[in-house]
Amino acid sequence: MRAIAAWRTALAVISLAAATAATAQDWPDKSITLVVPYPPGGPTDIVARVVAQGLGDELKQTIIVDNRSGAGGNIGADMVAKSTPDGYTLLMATTAHAINMSLFKNLNYDTRKSFAPLSLLTQGPLVIVARPDLPASNVRELIALAKATPDKLSFASSGNGQSTHLAAELFDAMAGVRMVHVPYRGSAPALTDVMGGQADVMFDTMLSSMPYVKGGKLKALAITGAKRSAAAPDVPTVAEAGLPGYEATAWNGLLAPAGTPDAVVQRLSASLHKVLERPDIKQKFAAQGFASAWMTPADTARFLDAEIGKWASVVKTSGATVN
């Protein structure tokens, strides 16, 4: 009887392994939807479309980019969290999905528990840009102007909870100033109002801001990373320009719904590794101030956990909250 029981257990293990292998081999047999929780044309959307093309090439399937914007990235995230965990619906996650855990009082998903991490995609600094006629051309002058006119200067952001919001809140806290936050539904309308003078500054991705800087419609004050960016080598970091210790970066990552079969997760991870190592894709990202940043699923989970903790302290210090 013991021998029969052992034989049946072994057979079950073999059958499970065979089924798992079959899942990995057969998947994907239809198109995959990549949900981008922001409007078309923004920096996250641009990165998503580059990755979607490369991933589609690797998997031999069409990757459909589906823009589901709203609520600081929460509408799209909630949609993916509730999707069938079969690898056919993925989320383009950003720094906001770490920030939102402490910024929003009521979330319908949990960034740690509702998703299966696949990989980080890109990392890069933001750039502080200002309307051309702002009487401040560097960080020291911006801080002095903000102190001289408390609650008068405004900063635009791509939405509540975005890195473009909290990077400015961190700046305010460290500099001892208070600028008024003006949230928008994406970078494009926010930048338009900065260029038009309806807002004074913005902490934005280099991808969307630098073309306007080069065109003379905005002026760049500083880079928020720990070191200067190759995409704008003449622009100093915030730390070297007058606020020592300041650093803020933005990232994009790819997540699947929690419960997605491990075989599918590993297939996606391996495919993403190949995509992000492609020289042409690295070059596309680097030209816009981003670095290709593949991680294993386990490392991505640890990264997300650290980011949630880091931004929770910034949210607490700033006092920012969204119902």
C-alpha atoms as a PDB file:
ATOM      1  CA  MET A   1       0.000   0.000   0.000  1.00  0.00           C
ATOM      2  CA  ARG A   2       2.859   2.347   0.860  1.00  0.00           C
ATOM      3  CA  ALA A   3       4.499   1.597  -2.463  1.00  0.00           C
ATOM      4  CA  ILE A   4       1.252   2.311  -4.323  1.00  0.00           C
ATOM      5  CA  ALA A   5       0.795   5.584  -2.404  1.00  0.00           C
ATOM      6  CA  ALA A   6       4.357   6.653  -3.189  1.00  0.00           C
ATOM      7  CA  TRP A   7       3.849   5.731  -6.836  1.00  0.00           C
ATOM      8  CA  ARG A   8       0.669   7.812  -7.010  1.00  0.00           C
ATOM      9  CA  THR A   9       2.414  10.798  -5.393  1.00  0.00           C
ATOM     10  CA  ALA A  10       5.269  10.563  -7.857  1.00  0.00           C
ATOM     11  CA  LEU A  11       2.821  10.330 -10.735  1.00  0.00           C
ATOM     12  CA  ALA A  12       0.987  13.427  -9.500  1.00  0.00           C
ATOM     13  CA  VAL A  13       4.250  15.384  -9.292  1.00  0.00           C
ATOM     14  CA  ILE A  14       5.222  14.306 -12.800  1.00  0.00           C
ATOM     15  CA  SER A  15       1.777  15.238 -14.136  1.00  0.00           C
ATOM     16  CA  LEU A  16       1.945  18.667 -12.483  1.00  0.00           C
ATOM     17  CA  ALA A  17       5.409  19.285 -13.906  1.00  0.00           C
ATOM     18  CA  ALA A  18       4.218  18.236 -17.360  1.00  0.00           C
ATOM     19  CA  ALA A  19       1.191  20.543 -17.124  1.00  0.00           C
ATOM     20  CA  THR A  20       3.380  23.443 -16.039  1.00  0.00           C
ATOM     21  CA  ALA A  21       5.778  22.813 -18.911  1.00  0.00           C
ATOM     22  CA  ALA A  22       2.856  22.668 -21.312  1.00  0.00           C
ATOM     23  CA  THR A  23       1.551  25.994 -19.967  1.00  0.00           C
ATOM     24  CA  ALA A  24       4.903  27.640 -20.594  1.00  0.00           C
ATOM     25  CA  GLN A  25       5.216  26.057 -24.020  1.00  0.00           C
ATOM     26  CA  ASP A  26       1.707  26.913 -25.227  1.00  0.00           C
ATOM     27  CA  TRP A  27       1.605  30.426 -23.804  1.00  0.00           C
ATOM     28  CA  PRO A  28       0.967  32.849 -25.434  1.00  0.00           C
ATOM     29  CA  ASP A  29      -1.483  31.651 -28.073  1.00  0.00           C
ATOM     30  CA  LYS A  30      -3.295  35.002 -28.451  1.00  0.00           C
ATOM     31  CA  SER A  31      -2.611  38.729 -28.158  1.00  0.00           C
ATOM     32  CA  ILE A  32      -1.559  40.255 -24.822  1.00  0.00           C
ATOM     33  CA  THR A  33      -2.964  43.507 -23.431  1.00  0.00           C
ATOM     34  CA  LEU A  34      -0.544  45.932 -21.793  1.00  0.00           C
ATOM     35  CA  VAL A  35      -2.521  48.386 -19.669  1.00  0.00           C
ATOM     36  CA  VAL A  36      -0.923  51.831 -19.430  1.00  0.00           C
ATOM     37  CA  PRO A  37      -2.699  53.748 -16.645  1.00  0.00           C
ATOM     38  CA  TYR A  38      -1.902  57.139 -18.197  1.00  0.00           C
ATOM     39  CA  PRO A  39      -2.913  59.051 -21.347  1.00  0.00           C
ATOM     40  CA  PRO A  40      -1.285  58.389 -24.744  1.00  0.00           C
ATOM     41  CA  GLY A  41       1.824  60.368 -25.610  1.00  0.00           C
ATOM     42  CA  GLY A  42       3.262  60.704 -22.114  1.00  0.00           C
ATOM     43  CA  PRO A  43       6.618  59.267 -20.980  1.00  0.00           C
ATOM     44  CA  THR A  44       5.124  56.055 -19.554  1.00  0.00           C
ATOM     45  CA  ASP A  45       3.123  55.479 -22.723  1.00  0.00           C
ATOM     46  CA  ILE A  46       6.215  56.005 -24.875  1.00  0.00           C
ATOM     47  CA  VAL A  47       8.257  53.479 -22.868  1.00  0.00           C
ATOM     48  CA  ALA A  48       5.330  51.041 -22.943  1.00  0.00           C
ATOM     49  CA  ARG A  49       5.099  51.146 -26.727  1.00  0.00           C
ATOM     50  CA  VAL A  50       8.838  50.533 -27.145  1.00  0.00           C
ATOM     51  CA  VAL A  51       8.660  47.565 -24.774  1.00  0.00           C
ATOM     52  CA  ALA A  52       5.431  46.273 -26.337  1.00  0.00           C
ATOM     53  CA  GLN A  53       7.033  46.160 -29.770  1.00  0.00           C
ATOM     54  CA  GLY A  54      10.117  44.358 -28.489  1.00  0.00           C
ATOM     55  CA  LEU A  55       8.170  41.920 -26.337  1.00  0.00           C
ATOM     56  CA  GLY A  56       5.821  41.171 -29.207  1.00  0.00           C
ATOM     57  CA  ASP A  57       8.820  40.318 -31.374  1.00  0.00           C
ATOM     58  CA  GLU A  58      10.144  37.934 -28.719  1.00  0.00           C
ATOM     59  CA  LEU A  59       6.826  36.206 -27.999  1.00  0.00           C
ATOM     60  CA  LYS A  60       5.603  36.191 -31.602  1.00  0.00           C
ATOM     61  CA  GLN A  61       2.327  37.749 -30.521  1.00  0.00           C
ATOM     62  CA  THR A  62       0.716  41.177 -30.762  1.00  0.00           C
ATOM     63  CA  ILE A  63       0.971  43.317 -27.618  1.00  0.00           C
ATOM     64  CA  ILE A  64      -1.989  45.698 -27.484  1.00  0.00           C
ATOM     65  CA  VAL A  65      -1.363  48.925 -25.534  1.00  0.00           C
ATOM     66  CA  ASP A  66      -4.541  49.912 -23.693  1.00  0.00           C
ATOM     67  CA  ASN A  67      -4.501  53.395 -22.088  1.00  0.00           C
ATOM     68  CA  ARG A  68      -6.715  53.459 -18.984  1.00  0.00           C
ATOM     69  CA  SER A  69      -5.875  56.768 -17.314  1.00  0.00           C
ATOM     70  CA  GLY A  70      -7.289  58.340 -14.187  1.00  0.00           C
ATOM     71  CA  ALA A  71      -6.992  58.534 -10.395  1.00  0.00           C
ATOM     72  CA  GLY A  72      -3.223  58.824 -10.389  1.00  0.00           C
ATOM     73  CA  GLY A  73      -2.713  55.521 -12.173  1.00  0.00           C
ATOM     74  CA  ASN A  74      -5.140  53.646  -9.924  1.00  0.00           C
ATOM     75  CA  ILE A  75      -7.889  52.934 -12.470  1.00  0.00           C
ATOM     76  CA  GLY A  76      -5.601  50.937 -14.739  1.00  0.00           C
ATOM     77  CA  ALA A  77      -3.876  49.229 -11.814  1.00  0.00           C
ATOM     78  CA  ASP A  78      -7.183  48.157 -10.283  1.00  0.00           C
ATOM     79  CA  MET A  79      -8.316  46.793 -13.649  1.00  0.00           C
ATOM     80  CA  VAL A  80      -5.220  44.598 -13.981  1.00  0.00           C
ATOM     81  CA  ALA A  81      -5.358  43.492 -10.344  1.00  0.00           C
ATOM     82  CA  LYS A  82      -8.859  42.114 -10.979  1.00  0.00           C
ATOM     83  CA  SER A  83      -7.985  40.508 -14.331  1.00  0.00           C
ATOM     84  CA  THR A  84      -7.673  36.761 -14.894  1.00  0.00           C
ATOM     85  CA  PRO A  85      -4.124  35.766 -13.864  1.00  0.00           C
ATOM     86  CA  ASP A  86      -3.202  34.051 -17.120  1.00  0.00           C
ATOM     87  CA  GLY A  87      -0.463  36.332 -18.454  1.00  0.00           C
ATOM     88  CA  TYR A  88      -2.679  37.988 -21.056  1.00  0.00           C
ATOM     89  CA  THR A  89      -3.206  41.241 -19.133  1.00  0.00           C
ATOM     90  CA  LEU A  90      -0.184  43.177 -17.841  1.00  0.00           C
ATOM     91  CA  LEU A  91       0.307  46.500 -16.039  1.00  0.00           C
ATOM     92  CA  MET A  92       2.780  49.224 -16.898  1.00  0.00           C
ATOM     93  CA  ALA A  93       3.601  50.281 -13.347  1.00  0.00           C
ATOM     94  CA  THR A  94       5.427  53.438 -12.276  1.00  0.00           C
ATOM     95  CA  THR A  95       6.814  55.115  -9.177  1.00  0.00           C
ATOM     96  CA  ALA A  96       3.233  56.228  -8.475  1.00  0.00           C
ATOM     97  CA  HIS A  97       2.174  52.675  -7.697  1.00  0.00           C
ATOM     98  CA  ALA A  98       4.642  52.664  -4.812  1.00  0.00           C
ATOM     99  CA  ILE A  99       3.662  56.170  -3.708  1.00  0.00           C
ATOM    100  CA  ASN A 100      -0.087  55.528  -3.880  1.00  0.00           C
ATOM    101  CA  MET A 101       0.124  52.917  -1.146  1.00  0.00           C
ATOM    102  CA  SER A 102       0.557  55.679   1.442  1.00  0.00           C
ATOM    103  CA  LEU A 103      -0.856  58.696  -0.427  1.00  0.00           C
ATOM    104  CA  PHE A 104      -4.370  57.382  -1.099  1.00  0.00           C
ATOM    105  CA  LYS A 105      -6.548  56.530   1.879  1.00  0.00           C
ATOM    106  CA  ASN A 106      -8.659  53.946   0.064  1.00  0.00           C
ATOM    107  CA  LEU A 107      -7.119  51.769  -2.637  1.00  0.00           C
ATOM    108  CA  ASN A 108      -8.843  48.796  -4.257  1.00  0.00           C
ATOM    109  CA  TYR A 109      -5.509  47.028  -4.776  1.00  0.00           C
ATOM    110  CA  ASP A 110      -2.260  46.430  -2.903  1.00  0.00           C
ATOM    111  CA  THR A 111       0.934  46.930  -4.900  1.00  0.00           C
ATOM    112  CA  ARG A 112       2.692  44.256  -2.843  1.00  0.00           C
ATOM    113  CA  LYS A 113      -0.082  41.639  -2.834  1.00  0.00           C
ATOM    114  CA  SER A 114      -2.220  42.200  -5.933  1.00  0.00           C
ATOM    115  CA  PHE A 115       0.498  41.665  -8.534  1.00  0.00           C
ATOM    116  CA  ALA A 116       3.174  39.248  -9.665  1.00  0.00           C
ATOM    117  CA  PRO A 117       6.298  41.352 -10.370  1.00  0.00           C
ATOM    118  CA  LEU A 118       7.939  40.647 -13.730  1.00  0.00           C
ATOM    119  CA  SER A 119      10.756  43.173 -14.101  1.00  0.00           C
ATOM    120  CA  LEU A 120      11.780  46.755 -13.822  1.00  0.00           C
ATOM    121  CA  LEU A 121      11.979  48.347 -17.272  1.00  0.00           C
ATOM    122  CA  THR A 122      13.582  51.776 -16.950  1.00  0.00           C
ATOM    123  CA  GLN A 123      14.988  54.125 -14.334  1.00  0.00           C
ATOM    124  CA  GLY A 124      15.991  57.739 -14.679  1.00  0.00           C
ATOM    125  CA  PRO A 125      16.043  61.162 -13.066  1.00  0.00           C
ATOM    126  CA  LEU A 126      13.520  63.939 -13.429  1.00  0.00           C
ATOM    127  CA  VAL A 127      14.411  67.453 -14.515  1.00  0.00           C
ATOM    128  CA  ILE A 128      13.172  70.651 -12.897  1.00  0.00           C
ATOM    129  CA  VAL A 129      11.880  72.876 -15.685  1.00  0.00           C
ATOM    130  CA  ALA A 130      10.472  76.378 -15.392  1.00  0.00           C
ATOM    131  CA  ARG A 131       8.585  78.875 -17.510  1.00  0.00           C
ATOM    132  CA  PRO A 132      11.139  80.896 -19.490  1.00  0.00           C
ATOM    133  CA  ASP A 133      10.367  84.202 -17.739  1.00  0.00           C
ATOM    134  CA  LEU A 134      10.555  82.867 -14.178  1.00  0.00           C
ATOM    135  CA  PRO A 135      13.048  85.066 -12.252  1.00  0.00           C
ATOM    136  CA  ALA A 136      15.088  82.034 -11.190  1.00  0.00           C
ATOM    137  CA  SER A 137      17.575  80.181 -13.365  1.00  0.00           C
ATOM    138  CA  ASN A 138      19.028  77.695 -10.888  1.00  0.00           C
ATOM    139  CA  VAL A 139      18.133  75.836  -7.692  1.00  0.00           C
ATOM    140  CA  ARG A 140      19.522  78.449  -5.310  1.00  0.00           C
ATOM    141  CA  GLU A 141      17.531  81.201  -7.018  1.00  0.00           C
ATOM    142  CA  LEU A 142      14.384  79.031  -7.024  1.00  0.00           C
ATOM    143  CA  ILE A 143      14.686  78.410  -3.278  1.00  0.00           C
ATOM    144  CA  ALA A 144      15.303  82.123  -2.622  1.00  0.00           C
ATOM    145  CA  LEU A 145      12.290  83.096  -4.734  1.00  0.00           C
ATOM    146  CA  ALA A 146      10.068  80.538  -2.996  1.00  0.00           C
ATOM    147  CA  LYS A 147      11.132  81.808   0.428  1.00  0.00           C
ATOM    148  CA  ALA A 148      10.532  85.419  -0.593  1.00  0.00           C
ATOM    149  CA  THR A 149       7.046  84.614  -1.941  1.00  0.00           C
ATOM    150  CA  PRO A 150       5.608  81.849   0.303  1.00  0.00           C
ATOM    151  CA  ASP A 151       2.655  79.967  -1.189  1.00  0.00           C
ATOM    152  CA  LYS A 152       2.897  82.026  -4.390  1.00  0.00           C
ATOM    153  CA  LEU A 153       5.018  79.810  -6.652  1.00  0.00           C
ATOM    154  CA  SER A 154       3.240  76.801  -8.137  1.00  0.00           C
ATOM    155  CA  PHE A 155       4.478  73.467  -9.396  1.00  0.00           C
ATOM    156  CA  ALA A 156       2.564  71.385 -11.937  1.00  0.00           C
ATOM    157  CA  SER A 157       2.516  67.599 -11.853  1.00  0.00           C
ATOM    158  CA  SER A 158       1.185  64.795 -14.032  1.00  0.00           C
ATOM    159  CA  GLY A 159      -1.231  63.868 -11.238  1.00  0.00           C
ATOM    160  CA  ASN A 160      -1.597  63.258  -7.526  1.00  0.00           C
ATOM    161  CA  GLY A 161       0.832  60.618  -6.340  1.00  0.00           C
ATOM    162  CA  GLN A 162       3.054  60.687  -9.413  1.00  0.00           C
ATOM    163  CA  SER A 163       6.820  60.976  -9.057  1.00  0.00           C
ATOM    164  CA  THR A 164       6.383  64.447 -10.555  1.00  0.00           C
ATOM    165  CA  HIS A 165       4.290  65.332  -7.488  1.00  0.00           C
ATOM    166  CA  LEU A 166       6.283  63.724  -4.677  1.00  0.00           C
ATOM    167  CA  ALA A 167       9.686  64.771  -6.055  1.00  0.00           C
ATOM    168  CA  ALA A 168       8.529  68.374  -5.659  1.00  0.00           C
ATOM    169  CA  GLU A 169       7.136  67.667  -2.184  1.00  0.00           C
ATOM    170  CA  LEU A 170      10.531  66.229  -1.204  1.00  0.00           C
ATOM    171  CA  PHE A 171      12.211  69.345  -2.604  1.00  0.00           C
ATOM    172  CA  ASP A 172       9.886  71.605  -0.580  1.00  0.00           C
ATOM    173  CA  ALA A 173      10.541  69.672   2.620  1.00  0.00           C
ATOM    174  CA  MET A 174      14.321  69.647   2.231  1.00  0.00           C
ATOM    175  CA  ALA A 175      14.534  73.299   1.114  1.00  0.00           C
ATOM    176  CA  GLY A 176      12.121  74.571   3.747  1.00  0.00           C
ATOM    177  CA  VAL A 177       9.787  76.173   1.214  1.00  0.00           C
ATOM    178  CA  ARG A 178       6.177  75.723   0.188  1.00  0.00           C
ATOM    179  CA  MET A 179       5.068  75.768  -3.449  1.00  0.00           C
ATOM    180  CA  VAL A 180       1.435  75.230  -4.453  1.00  0.00           C
ATOM    181  CA  HIS A 181       0.698  71.888  -6.124  1.00  0.00           C
ATOM    182  CA  VAL A 182      -1.361  71.968  -9.344  1.00  0.00           C
ATOM    183  CA  PRO A 183      -2.146  68.395 -10.527  1.00  0.00           C
ATOM    184  CA  TYR A 184      -2.992  67.537 -14.148  1.00  0.00           C
ATOM    185  CA  ARG A 185      -4.054  64.396 -16.017  1.00  0.00           C
ATOM    186  CA  GLY A 186      -0.660  63.676 -17.525  1.00  0.00           C
ATOM    187  CA  SER A 187       2.590  65.437 -18.360  1.00  0.00           C
ATOM    188  CA  ALA A 188       1.460  66.974 -21.654  1.00  0.00           C
ATOM    189  CA  PRO A 189      -1.223  69.338 -20.264  1.00  0.00           C
ATOM    190  CA  ALA A 190       0.967  70.157 -17.252  1.00  0.00           C
ATOM    191  CA  LEU A 191       3.899  71.171 -19.443  1.00  0.00           C
ATOM    192  CA  THR A 192       1.584  73.199 -21.667  1.00  0.00           C
ATOM    193  CA  ASP A 193       0.500  75.285 -18.692  1.00  0.00           C
ATOM    194  CA  VAL A 194       4.074  75.761 -17.466  1.00  0.00           C
ATOM    195  CA  MET A 195       5.067  76.992 -20.909  1.00  0.00           C
ATOM    196  CA  GLY A 196       2.006  79.238 -20.930  1.00  0.00           C
ATOM    197  CA  GLY A 197       2.755  80.704 -17.498  1.00  0.00           C
ATOM    198  CA  GLN A 198      -0.249  79.191 -15.687  1.00  0.00           C
ATOM    199  CA  ALA A 199       2.207  77.254 -13.488  1.00  0.00           C
ATOM    200  CA  ASP A 200       5.788  78.125 -12.596  1.00  0.00           C
ATOM    201  CA  VAL A 201       7.810  74.928 -12.490  1.00  0.00           C
ATOM    202  CA  MET A 202       7.510  71.183 -12.968  1.00  0.00           C
ATOM    203  CA  PHE A 203       9.581  68.187 -11.895  1.00  0.00           C
ATOM    204  CA  ASP A 204       9.125  66.094 -15.033  1.00  0.00           C
ATOM    205  CA  THR A 205      10.727  63.232 -16.911  1.00  0.00           C
ATOM    206  CA  MET A 206      13.470  64.189 -19.322  1.00  0.00           C
ATOM    207  CA  LEU A 207      11.656  62.235 -22.026  1.00  0.00           C
ATOM    208  CA  SER A 208       8.790  64.710 -22.211  1.00  0.00           C
ATOM    209  CA  SER A 209      10.518  67.923 -21.047  1.00  0.00           C
ATOM    210  CA  MET A 210      13.876  68.135 -22.808  1.00  0.00           C
ATOM    211  CA  PRO A 211      12.502  68.694 -26.340  1.00  0.00           C
ATOM    212  CA  TYR A 212      10.830  71.892 -25.032  1.00  0.00           C
ATOM    213  CA  VAL A 213      14.020  72.915 -23.229  1.00  0.00           C
ATOM    214  CA  LYS A 214      15.992  72.506 -26.442  1.00  0.00           C
ATOM    215  CA  GLY A 215      13.301  74.480 -28.274  1.00  0.00           C
ATOM    216  CA  GLY A 216      13.554  77.364 -25.815  1.00  0.00           C
ATOM    217  CA  LYS A 217      10.008  76.975 -24.493  1.00  0.00           C
ATOM    218  CA  LEU A 218      11.182  75.872 -21.043  1.00  0.00           C
ATOM    219  CA  LYS A 219      14.392  76.288 -19.078  1.00  0.00           C
ATOM    220  CA  ALA A 220      16.038  73.446 -17.174  1.00  0.00           C
ATOM    221  CA  LEU A 221      17.173  74.255 -13.645  1.00  0.00           C
ATOM    222  CA  ALA A 222      18.520  70.924 -12.418  1.00  0.00           C
ATOM    223  CA  ILE A 223      18.484  67.123 -12.671  1.00  0.00           C
ATOM    224  CA  THR A 224      17.034  65.200  -9.701  1.00  0.00           C
ATOM    225  CA  GLY A 225      19.370  62.190  -9.915  1.00  0.00           C
ATOM    226  CA  ALA A 226      22.574  61.531  -7.983  1.00  0.00           C
ATOM    227  CA  LYS A 227      24.670  62.386 -11.036  1.00  0.00           C
ATOM    228  CA  ARG A 228      24.304  64.374 -14.225  1.00  0.00           C
ATOM    229  CA  SER A 229      22.497  62.808 -17.154  1.00  0.00           C
ATOM    230  CA  ALA A 230      24.199  62.039 -20.452  1.00  0.00           C
ATOM    231  CA  ALA A 231      21.028  63.338 -22.120  1.00  0.00           C
ATOM    232  CA  ALA A 232      21.681  66.811 -20.638  1.00  0.00           C
ATOM    233  CA  PRO A 233      25.302  66.910 -19.417  1.00  0.00           C
ATOM    234  CA  ASP A 234      25.313  70.691 -18.914  1.00  0.00           C
ATOM    235  CA  VAL A 235      22.436  70.632 -16.438  1.00  0.00           C
ATOM    236  CA  PRO A 236      23.645  70.221 -12.815  1.00  0.00           C
ATOM    237  CA  THR A 237      22.050  67.952 -10.239  1.00  0.00           C
ATOM    238  CA  VAL A 238      19.841  69.446  -7.542  1.00  0.00           C
ATOM    239  CA  ALA A 239      22.416  68.395  -4.948  1.00  0.00           C
ATOM    240  CA  GLU A 240      25.325  70.168  -6.607  1.00  0.00           C
ATOM    241  CA  ALA A 241      23.209  73.199  -7.511  1.00  0.00           C
ATOM    242  CA  GLY A 242      22.191  74.114  -3.991  1.00  0.00           C
ATOM    243  CA  LEU A 243      20.313  71.356  -2.123  1.00  0.00           C
ATOM    244  CA  PRO A 244      22.814  68.730  -0.878  1.00  0.00           C
ATOM    245  CA  GLY A 245      21.439  65.240  -0.286  1.00  0.00           C
ATOM    246  CA  TYR A 246      18.451  65.612  -2.592  1.00  0.00           C
ATOM    247  CA  GLU A 247      17.763  62.737  -5.010  1.00  0.00           C
ATOM    248  CA  ALA A 248      14.608  61.488  -6.732  1.00  0.00           C
ATOM    249  CA  THR A 249      14.271  59.117  -9.652  1.00  0.00           C
ATOM    250  CA  ALA A 250      11.377  57.738 -11.679  1.00  0.00           C
ATOM    251  CA  TRP A 251      10.950  54.176 -12.889  1.00  0.00           C
ATOM    252  CA  ASN A 252       8.700  51.989 -14.979  1.00  0.00           C
ATOM    253  CA  GLY A 253       8.054  48.305 -14.347  1.00  0.00           C
ATOM    254  CA  LEU A 254       5.907  45.464 -15.628  1.00  0.00           C
ATOM    255  CA  LEU A 255       3.486  43.567 -13.375  1.00  0.00           C
ATOM    256  CA  ALA A 256       0.985  40.746 -13.896  1.00  0.00           C
ATOM    257  CA  PRO A 257      -2.014  39.892 -11.709  1.00  0.00           C
ATOM    258  CA  ALA A 258      -1.194  37.905  -8.570  1.00  0.00           C
ATOM    259  CA  GLY A 259      -1.618  34.192  -9.176  1.00  0.00           C
ATOM    260  CA  THR A 260      -0.190  34.223 -12.688  1.00  0.00           C
ATOM    261  CA  PRO A 261       1.461  30.784 -13.251  1.00  0.00           C
ATOM    262  CA  ASP A 262       5.167  30.823 -12.432  1.00  0.00           C
ATOM    263  CA  ALA A 263       5.972  29.284 -15.821  1.00  0.00           C
ATOM    264  CA  VAL A 264       4.379  32.294 -17.530  1.00  0.00           C
ATOM    265  CA  VAL A 265       6.119  34.723 -15.164  1.00  0.00           C
ATOM    266  CA  GLN A 266       9.491  33.158 -15.955  1.00  0.00           C
ATOM    267  CA  ARG A 267       8.784  33.181 -19.704  1.00  0.00           C
ATOM    268  CA  LEU A 268       7.921  36.885 -19.538  1.00  0.00           C
ATOM    269  CA  SER A 269      10.965  37.605 -17.407  1.00  0.00           C
ATOM    270  CA  ALA A 270      13.327  35.875 -19.836  1.00  0.00           C
ATOM    271  CA  SER A 271      11.741  37.619 -22.822  1.00  0.00           C
ATOM    272  CA  LEU A 272      11.960  41.022 -21.143  1.00  0.00           C
ATOM    273  CA  HIS A 273      15.639  40.401 -20.404  1.00  0.00           C
ATOM    274  CA  LYS A 274      16.298  39.906 -24.101  1.00  0.00           C
ATOM    275  CA  VAL A 275      14.266  42.996 -25.029  1.00  0.00           C
ATOM    276  CA  LEU A 276      15.943  45.295 -22.500  1.00  0.00           C
ATOM    277  CA  GLU A 277      19.418  44.129 -23.529  1.00  0.00           C
ATOM    278  CA  ARG A 278      18.845  45.059 -27.155  1.00  0.00           C
ATOM    279  CA  PRO A 279      21.257  47.878 -28.128  1.00  0.00           C
ATOM    280  CA  ASP A 280      18.599  49.717 -30.149  1.00  0.00           C
ATOM    281  CA  ILE A 281      16.194  49.782 -27.216  1.00  0.00           C
ATOM    282  CA  LYS A 282      18.920  50.818 -24.765  1.00  0.00           C
ATOM    283  CA  GLN A 283      19.792  53.644 -27.141  1.00  0.00           C
ATOM    284  CA  LYS A 284      16.163  54.789 -27.390  1.00  0.00           C
ATOM    285  CA  PHE A 285      15.881  54.958 -23.611  1.00  0.00           C
ATOM    286  CA  ALA A 286      19.280  56.601 -23.081  1.00  0.00           C
ATOM    287  CA  ALA A 287      18.480  59.356 -25.567  1.00  0.00           C
ATOM    288  CA  GLN A 288      15.547  60.296 -23.353  1.00  0.00           C
ATOM    289  CA  GLY A 289      17.381  60.138 -20.018  1.00  0.00           C
ATOM    290  CA  PHE A 290      16.345  56.612 -19.034  1.00  0.00           C
ATOM    291  CA  ALA A 291      18.468  53.549 -18.351  1.00  0.00           C
ATOM    292  CA  SER A 292      17.323  50.047 -19.241  1.00  0.00           C
ATOM    293  CA  ALA A 293      16.816  48.263 -15.916  1.00  0.00           C
ATOM    294  CA  TRP A 294      15.928  44.558 -16.123  1.00  0.00           C
ATOM    295  CA  MET A 295      15.476  42.723 -12.812  1.00  0.00           C
ATOM    296  CA  THR A 296      14.444  39.204 -11.876  1.00  0.00           C
ATOM    297  CA  PRO A 297      10.888  38.850 -10.525  1.00  0.00           C
ATOM    298  CA  ALA A 298      12.264  38.309  -6.999  1.00  0.00           C
ATOM    299  CA  ASP A 299      14.504  41.387  -7.191  1.00  0.00           C
ATOM    300  CA  THR A 300      11.608  43.404  -8.606  1.00  0.00           C
ATOM    301  CA  ALA A 301       9.469  42.423  -5.604  1.00  0.00           C
ATOM    302  CA  ARG A 302      12.216  43.567  -3.228  1.00  0.00           C
ATOM    303  CA  PHE A 303      12.634  46.803  -5.179  1.00  0.00           C
ATOM    304  CA  LEU A 304       8.884  47.538  -4.966  1.00  0.00           C
ATOM    305  CA  ASP A 305       8.879  46.908  -1.230  1.00  0.00           C
ATOM    306  CA  ALA A 306      11.790  49.317  -0.711  1.00  0.00           C
ATOM    307  CA  GLU A 307      10.169  51.983  -2.880  1.00  0.00           C
ATOM    308  CA  ILE A 308       6.882  51.748  -0.969  1.00  0.00           C
ATOM    309  CA  GLY A 309       8.749  52.314   2.287  1.00  0.00           C
ATOM    310  CA  LYS A 310      10.867  55.148   0.909  1.00  0.00           C
ATOM    311  CA  TRP A 311       7.964  57.165  -0.479  1.00  0.00           C
ATOM    312  CA  ALA A 312       5.791  56.514   2.581  1.00  0.00           C
ATOM    313  CA  SER A 313       8.218  58.599   4.621  1.00  0.00           C
ATOM    314  CA  VAL A 314       8.121  61.394   2.021  1.00  0.00           C
ATOM    315  CA  VAL A 315       4.308  61.383   2.026  1.00  0.00           C
ATOM    316  CA  LYS A 316       4.286  61.533   5.826  1.00  0.00           C
ATOM    317  CA  THR A 317       6.760  64.426   5.938  1.00  0.00           C
ATOM    318  CA  SER A 318       4.920  66.401   3.270  1.00  0.00           C
ATOM    319  CA  GLY A 319       1.493  65.802   4.777  1.00  0.00           C
ATOM    320  CA  ALA A 320       0.122  65.051   1.292  1.00  0.00           C
ATOM    321  CA  THR A 321      -2.991  62.889   1.111  1.00  0.00           C
ATOM    322  CA  VAL A 322      -5.697  62.030  -1.405  1.00  0.00           C
ATOM    323  CA  ASN A 323      -9.145  60.645  -0.583  1.00  0.00           C
END
